[in-house]
N, C-alpha and C. Protein backbone atom coordinates (compact mmCIF):
# COMPACT_ATOMS: atom_id res chain seq x y z
N MET A 1 252.18 113.67 310.73
CA MET A 1 253.44 114.35 310.51
C MET A 1 253.59 114.67 309.03
N SER A 2 254.27 115.72 308.73
CA SER A 2 254.46 116.16 307.35
C SER A 2 255.43 115.26 306.62
N GLU A 3 255.14 115.06 305.32
CA GLU A 3 256.04 114.25 304.50
C GLU A 3 257.07 115.16 303.85
N VAL A 4 258.26 114.61 303.59
CA VAL A 4 259.36 115.42 303.08
C VAL A 4 260.01 114.73 301.89
N ASP A 5 260.25 115.47 300.82
CA ASP A 5 261.01 115.01 299.67
C ASP A 5 262.23 115.91 299.52
N ASP A 6 263.29 115.40 298.88
CA ASP A 6 264.46 116.23 298.63
C ASP A 6 264.05 117.45 297.82
N GLY A 7 264.64 118.61 298.15
CA GLY A 7 264.36 119.84 297.43
C GLY A 7 263.11 120.56 297.85
N ALA A 8 262.42 120.02 298.82
CA ALA A 8 261.18 120.64 299.28
C ALA A 8 261.48 121.79 300.24
N LYS A 9 260.45 122.56 300.53
CA LYS A 9 260.54 123.61 301.53
C LYS A 9 259.63 123.26 302.69
N ALA A 10 260.05 123.68 303.88
CA ALA A 10 259.18 123.62 305.05
C ALA A 10 258.33 124.88 305.03
N ILE A 11 257.05 124.73 305.37
CA ILE A 11 256.11 125.85 305.39
C ILE A 11 255.50 125.96 306.77
N VAL A 12 255.42 127.18 307.28
CA VAL A 12 254.80 127.44 308.57
C VAL A 12 253.71 128.48 308.37
N ARG A 13 252.52 128.19 308.90
CA ARG A 13 251.42 129.15 308.90
C ARG A 13 251.01 129.35 310.36
N LEU A 14 251.08 130.59 310.82
CA LEU A 14 250.57 130.89 312.15
C LEU A 14 249.06 131.04 312.08
N THR A 15 248.39 130.86 313.23
CA THR A 15 246.94 130.99 313.25
C THR A 15 246.54 132.32 312.62
N PRO A 16 245.38 132.37 312.01
CA PRO A 16 244.29 131.40 311.99
C PRO A 16 244.44 130.39 310.84
N PHE A 17 243.76 129.25 311.01
CA PHE A 17 243.75 128.18 310.01
C PHE A 17 242.37 127.98 309.38
N GLU A 18 241.34 128.64 309.92
CA GLU A 18 239.96 128.42 309.48
C GLU A 18 239.76 128.99 308.08
N ALA A 19 238.97 128.30 307.28
CA ALA A 19 238.76 128.65 305.87
C ALA A 19 238.33 130.11 305.69
N GLU A 20 237.39 130.57 306.52
CA GLU A 20 236.89 131.94 306.37
C GLU A 20 238.02 132.96 306.55
N ARG A 21 238.86 132.70 307.52
CA ARG A 21 239.96 133.63 307.81
C ARG A 21 241.05 133.53 306.75
N LEU A 22 241.24 132.34 306.18
CA LEU A 22 242.20 132.20 305.08
C LEU A 22 241.72 132.98 303.86
N LEU A 23 240.42 132.93 303.61
CA LEU A 23 239.86 133.69 302.49
C LEU A 23 240.06 135.19 302.71
N GLU A 24 239.84 135.65 303.93
CA GLU A 24 240.07 137.06 304.26
C GLU A 24 241.52 137.45 303.97
N ASN A 25 242.45 136.58 304.34
CA ASN A 25 243.88 136.85 304.10
C ASN A 25 244.16 136.95 302.60
N ALA A 26 243.61 136.02 301.82
CA ALA A 26 243.81 136.04 300.37
C ALA A 26 243.23 137.31 299.75
N GLU A 27 242.05 137.71 300.19
CA GLU A 27 241.41 138.91 299.66
C GLU A 27 242.16 140.17 300.09
N ASP A 28 242.69 140.18 301.32
CA ASP A 28 243.49 141.32 301.78
C ASP A 28 244.78 141.44 300.98
N THR A 29 245.40 140.31 300.67
CA THR A 29 246.62 140.33 299.85
C THR A 29 246.32 140.94 298.49
N TYR A 30 245.22 140.50 297.88
CA TYR A 30 244.82 141.04 296.58
C TYR A 30 244.61 142.55 296.67
N ALA A 31 243.86 143.00 297.66
CA ALA A 31 243.57 144.43 297.82
C ALA A 31 244.85 145.24 298.06
N ASP A 32 245.74 144.72 298.89
CA ASP A 32 247.00 145.41 299.17
C ASP A 32 247.84 145.55 297.89
N GLU A 33 247.94 144.48 297.12
CA GLU A 33 248.73 144.52 295.90
C GLU A 33 248.08 145.43 294.86
N GLU A 34 246.76 145.44 294.81
CA GLU A 34 246.06 146.33 293.90
C GLU A 34 246.32 147.79 294.29
N ASP A 35 246.24 148.08 295.59
CA ASP A 35 246.51 149.44 296.09
C ASP A 35 247.95 149.87 295.80
N ASP A 36 248.87 148.90 295.82
CA ASP A 36 250.29 149.19 295.56
C ASP A 36 250.59 149.33 294.07
N GLY A 37 249.58 149.12 293.22
CA GLY A 37 249.75 149.26 291.78
C GLY A 37 250.29 148.05 291.05
N ARG A 38 250.26 146.90 291.69
CA ARG A 38 250.73 145.68 291.01
C ARG A 38 249.84 145.41 289.80
N VAL A 39 250.42 145.12 288.66
CA VAL A 39 249.67 144.90 287.43
C VAL A 39 248.71 143.73 287.55
N ALA A 40 249.15 142.64 288.14
CA ALA A 40 248.30 141.46 288.32
C ALA A 40 248.29 141.09 289.81
N PRO A 41 247.43 141.74 290.61
CA PRO A 41 247.38 141.40 292.04
C PRO A 41 247.06 139.91 292.23
N ARG A 42 247.55 139.37 293.34
CA ARG A 42 247.40 137.93 293.60
C ARG A 42 246.53 137.69 294.82
N TYR A 43 245.77 136.60 294.74
CA TYR A 43 245.06 136.09 295.91
C TYR A 43 246.01 135.10 296.58
N GLY A 44 246.68 135.54 297.63
CA GLY A 44 247.67 134.69 298.29
C GLY A 44 247.47 134.64 299.78
N ILE A 45 247.77 133.50 300.35
CA ILE A 45 247.69 133.29 301.79
C ILE A 45 249.10 133.32 302.35
N SER A 46 249.31 134.16 303.34
CA SER A 46 250.64 134.39 303.90
C SER A 46 251.13 133.20 304.72
N VAL A 47 252.36 132.81 304.43
CA VAL A 47 253.07 131.78 305.18
C VAL A 47 254.54 132.15 305.22
N LEU A 48 255.29 131.41 306.00
CA LEU A 48 256.74 131.51 306.02
C LEU A 48 257.29 130.18 305.54
N ALA A 49 258.38 130.22 304.78
CA ALA A 49 258.94 128.97 304.25
C ALA A 49 260.44 129.09 304.08
N THR A 50 261.10 127.94 304.19
CA THR A 50 262.55 127.87 303.95
C THR A 50 262.89 126.52 303.36
N VAL A 51 263.99 126.46 302.66
CA VAL A 51 264.43 125.23 302.00
C VAL A 51 264.83 124.19 303.03
N LEU A 52 264.39 122.96 302.78
CA LEU A 52 264.84 121.84 303.61
C LEU A 52 266.22 121.44 303.14
N ARG A 53 267.10 121.18 304.06
CA ARG A 53 268.49 120.84 303.73
C ARG A 53 268.69 119.36 303.46
N GLY A 54 267.61 118.61 303.49
CA GLY A 54 267.68 117.19 303.22
C GLY A 54 266.66 116.44 304.05
N PRO A 55 266.57 115.14 303.84
CA PRO A 55 265.63 114.33 304.62
C PRO A 55 265.92 114.47 306.12
N GLY A 56 264.88 114.55 306.91
CA GLY A 56 265.05 114.66 308.35
C GLY A 56 265.28 116.07 308.84
N ASP A 57 265.19 117.07 307.96
CA ASP A 57 265.48 118.45 308.35
C ASP A 57 264.23 119.26 308.69
N LEU A 58 263.04 118.67 308.67
CA LEU A 58 261.81 119.43 308.85
C LEU A 58 261.80 120.20 310.17
N ASP A 59 262.06 119.54 311.28
CA ASP A 59 262.01 120.22 312.58
C ASP A 59 263.06 121.33 312.67
N ALA A 60 264.25 121.08 312.13
CA ALA A 60 265.29 122.10 312.15
C ALA A 60 264.90 123.28 311.25
N ALA A 61 264.27 123.01 310.12
CA ALA A 61 263.82 124.08 309.22
C ALA A 61 262.75 124.92 309.89
N VAL A 62 261.84 124.27 310.59
CA VAL A 62 260.81 125.01 311.33
C VAL A 62 261.46 125.89 312.38
N ALA A 63 262.45 125.37 313.08
CA ALA A 63 263.16 126.17 314.08
C ALA A 63 263.85 127.37 313.44
N ARG A 64 264.41 127.21 312.24
CA ARG A 64 265.03 128.33 311.54
C ARG A 64 263.99 129.39 311.18
N ILE A 65 262.82 128.95 310.74
CA ILE A 65 261.75 129.89 310.40
C ILE A 65 261.34 130.67 311.64
N VAL A 66 261.11 129.95 312.73
CA VAL A 66 260.67 130.59 313.98
C VAL A 66 261.72 131.60 314.46
N ALA A 67 262.98 131.22 314.39
CA ALA A 67 264.05 132.11 314.85
C ALA A 67 264.16 133.36 313.98
N GLY A 68 263.80 133.25 312.71
CA GLY A 68 263.98 134.36 311.79
C GLY A 68 262.79 135.28 311.61
N THR A 69 261.68 134.99 312.27
CA THR A 69 260.49 135.82 312.07
C THR A 69 260.27 136.81 313.20
N THR A 70 259.63 137.91 312.86
CA THR A 70 259.22 138.88 313.87
C THR A 70 257.82 138.56 314.39
N LEU A 71 257.15 137.60 313.73
CA LEU A 71 255.79 137.24 314.10
C LEU A 71 255.78 136.41 315.36
N ASN A 72 254.64 136.39 316.02
CA ASN A 72 254.47 135.60 317.22
C ASN A 72 253.06 135.03 317.22
N GLY A 73 252.86 133.95 317.89
CA GLY A 73 251.54 133.33 317.95
C GLY A 73 251.52 132.21 318.96
N ARG A 74 250.38 131.56 319.05
CA ARG A 74 250.25 130.43 319.97
C ARG A 74 250.43 129.09 319.27
N ARG A 75 249.91 129.02 318.04
CA ARG A 75 249.98 127.76 317.30
C ARG A 75 250.43 128.02 315.87
N MET A 76 251.01 126.98 315.28
CA MET A 76 251.44 127.06 313.89
C MET A 76 251.15 125.74 313.21
N ALA A 77 250.83 125.84 311.94
CA ALA A 77 250.67 124.65 311.10
C ALA A 77 251.98 124.44 310.35
N VAL A 78 252.35 123.18 310.20
CA VAL A 78 253.59 122.85 309.51
C VAL A 78 253.27 121.88 308.37
N LEU A 79 253.78 122.19 307.18
CA LEU A 79 253.66 121.28 306.06
C LEU A 79 254.83 121.51 305.12
N THR A 80 254.87 120.78 304.05
CA THR A 80 255.96 120.90 303.07
C THR A 80 255.38 121.25 301.71
N THR A 81 256.27 121.71 300.84
CA THR A 81 255.83 122.00 299.47
C THR A 81 255.37 120.73 298.77
N THR A 82 255.89 119.60 299.14
CA THR A 82 255.44 118.33 298.55
C THR A 82 253.96 118.13 298.82
N GLU A 83 253.55 118.29 300.06
CA GLU A 83 252.13 118.15 300.41
C GLU A 83 251.29 119.21 299.71
N LEU A 84 251.82 120.42 299.68
CA LEU A 84 251.09 121.54 299.08
C LEU A 84 250.86 121.33 297.58
N THR A 85 251.91 120.99 296.87
CA THR A 85 251.78 120.82 295.42
C THR A 85 250.99 119.56 295.07
N ASN A 86 251.11 118.52 295.89
CA ASN A 86 250.29 117.32 295.65
C ASN A 86 248.80 117.62 295.76
N ALA A 87 248.45 118.66 296.51
CA ALA A 87 247.05 119.07 296.67
C ALA A 87 246.64 120.12 295.63
N GLY A 88 247.57 120.48 294.72
CA GLY A 88 247.24 121.39 293.64
C GLY A 88 247.49 122.86 293.91
N PHE A 89 248.25 123.17 294.96
CA PHE A 89 248.54 124.56 295.29
C PHE A 89 249.96 124.93 294.87
N VAL A 90 250.22 126.24 294.82
CA VAL A 90 251.56 126.74 294.51
C VAL A 90 252.05 127.59 295.68
N LEU A 91 253.36 127.66 295.79
CA LEU A 91 254.02 128.50 296.79
C LEU A 91 254.92 129.46 296.04
N VAL A 92 254.75 130.77 296.27
CA VAL A 92 255.59 131.76 295.61
C VAL A 92 256.26 132.63 296.66
N GLN A 93 257.52 132.94 296.40
CA GLN A 93 258.28 133.78 297.32
C GLN A 93 257.72 135.19 297.29
N ASP A 94 257.62 135.80 298.45
CA ASP A 94 257.10 137.16 298.59
C ASP A 94 257.84 137.86 299.73
N ALA A 95 259.16 137.73 299.71
CA ALA A 95 260.00 138.25 300.79
C ALA A 95 259.89 139.76 300.89
N ASN A 96 260.07 140.25 302.11
CA ASN A 96 260.14 141.68 302.34
C ASN A 96 261.21 141.92 303.41
N GLU A 97 261.53 143.17 303.67
CA GLU A 97 262.60 143.47 304.62
C GLU A 97 262.33 142.91 306.01
N LEU A 98 261.09 142.97 306.43
CA LEU A 98 260.73 142.51 307.77
C LEU A 98 260.68 140.99 307.86
N GLU A 99 260.18 140.35 306.80
CA GLU A 99 260.01 138.89 306.78
C GLU A 99 260.64 138.28 305.52
N PRO A 100 261.94 138.00 305.55
CA PRO A 100 262.61 137.46 304.36
C PRO A 100 262.13 136.06 303.96
N ASP A 101 261.48 135.33 304.87
CA ASP A 101 260.97 133.99 304.56
C ASP A 101 259.49 134.02 304.14
N HIS A 102 258.93 135.21 303.94
CA HIS A 102 257.51 135.32 303.60
C HIS A 102 257.24 134.77 302.20
N HIS A 103 256.19 133.97 302.10
CA HIS A 103 255.72 133.39 300.84
C HIS A 103 254.20 133.50 300.79
N LEU A 104 253.65 133.26 299.62
CA LEU A 104 252.20 133.20 299.44
C LEU A 104 251.81 131.85 298.88
N ILE A 105 250.69 131.34 299.36
CA ILE A 105 250.10 130.12 298.83
C ILE A 105 248.88 130.52 298.00
N GLY A 106 248.76 129.90 296.84
CA GLY A 106 247.60 130.13 295.97
C GLY A 106 247.44 128.98 295.01
N GLU A 107 246.71 129.26 293.93
CA GLU A 107 246.51 128.26 292.89
C GLU A 107 246.80 128.89 291.54
N GLY A 108 247.45 128.13 290.68
CA GLY A 108 247.71 128.58 289.32
C GLY A 108 248.38 129.94 289.27
N ASP A 109 247.76 130.88 288.55
CA ASP A 109 248.32 132.23 288.43
C ASP A 109 247.89 133.14 289.57
N MET A 110 247.18 132.59 290.52
CA MET A 110 246.75 133.29 291.74
C MET A 110 245.79 134.43 291.45
N GLN A 111 245.02 134.32 290.37
CA GLN A 111 244.07 135.35 289.98
C GLN A 111 242.67 135.09 290.51
N LYS A 112 242.52 134.03 291.28
CA LYS A 112 241.24 133.78 291.96
C LYS A 112 241.57 133.21 293.35
N PRO A 113 240.63 133.37 294.29
CA PRO A 113 240.90 132.85 295.64
C PRO A 113 241.14 131.34 295.63
N PRO A 114 242.07 130.87 296.44
CA PRO A 114 242.34 129.44 296.51
C PRO A 114 241.23 128.68 297.24
N ARG A 115 241.27 127.37 297.12
CA ARG A 115 240.32 126.49 297.80
C ARG A 115 240.67 126.46 299.29
N VAL A 116 240.08 127.40 300.02
CA VAL A 116 240.46 127.59 301.41
C VAL A 116 240.04 126.42 302.31
N GLY A 117 238.97 125.74 301.97
CA GLY A 117 238.57 124.57 302.75
C GLY A 117 239.63 123.47 302.68
N ASP A 118 240.18 123.27 301.48
CA ASP A 118 241.23 122.27 301.31
C ASP A 118 242.51 122.70 302.03
N LEU A 119 242.81 124.00 301.98
CA LEU A 119 243.99 124.49 302.70
C LEU A 119 243.83 124.33 304.20
N GLU A 120 242.63 124.61 304.70
CA GLU A 120 242.39 124.42 306.13
C GLU A 120 242.69 122.98 306.53
N SER A 121 242.23 122.04 305.73
CA SER A 121 242.48 120.62 306.01
C SER A 121 243.98 120.31 306.00
N LEU A 122 244.70 120.86 305.03
CA LEU A 122 246.15 120.65 304.98
C LEU A 122 246.83 121.22 306.22
N PHE A 123 246.46 122.44 306.58
CA PHE A 123 247.09 123.08 307.74
C PHE A 123 246.81 122.30 309.02
N LYS A 124 245.64 121.73 309.15
CA LYS A 124 245.26 121.07 310.41
C LYS A 124 245.85 119.68 310.56
N ARG A 125 246.60 119.21 309.58
CA ARG A 125 247.25 117.90 309.68
C ARG A 125 248.39 117.88 310.70
N ASP A 126 249.08 119.02 310.84
CA ASP A 126 250.25 119.08 311.72
C ASP A 126 250.29 120.44 312.39
N ILE A 127 249.57 120.56 313.50
CA ILE A 127 249.54 121.81 314.26
C ILE A 127 250.43 121.65 315.49
N ARG A 128 251.26 122.64 315.70
CA ARG A 128 252.23 122.61 316.79
C ARG A 128 252.12 123.89 317.61
N LYS A 129 252.61 123.81 318.81
CA LYS A 129 252.71 125.01 319.65
C LYS A 129 253.81 125.89 319.09
N PHE A 130 253.54 127.17 318.97
CA PHE A 130 254.55 128.12 318.52
C PHE A 130 255.39 128.53 319.71
N PRO A 131 256.71 128.36 319.64
CA PRO A 131 257.55 128.72 320.79
C PRO A 131 257.47 130.22 321.06
N ARG A 132 257.18 130.57 322.27
CA ARG A 132 257.07 132.00 322.63
C ARG A 132 258.44 132.65 322.55
N LYS A 133 258.40 133.84 321.98
CA LYS A 133 259.65 134.62 321.89
C LYS A 133 259.71 135.59 323.05
N LYS A 134 260.90 135.89 323.48
CA LYS A 134 261.07 136.83 324.59
C LYS A 134 261.41 138.19 324.08
């Protein structure tokens, strides 16, 4: 189960969780931002995240993320910013009109691909069934 500290965010990543596919996501993010003319494109892995309202709020925060997304899937990985930052990663907000909870995971200034093998391990610690939307 994911650990929670005050002020942390809940993070949800829908499949895929495999390192190769995470690297593809990071490279696609970089290419998209470069095509859009961003001065410093980022290697980021797409996730959804929201602020935890206090200890014991992880499941409720995950439910808020699921309710607020247009995305759908079979499985999702759940972790917190505490776990993420303890492993040396950063989470940056990357909201858009369609996905206001969208964030990117990377390392440092996000100018190189993140350690996708380590991220895969983090994601696989807490995998849950994604509730089907109607």
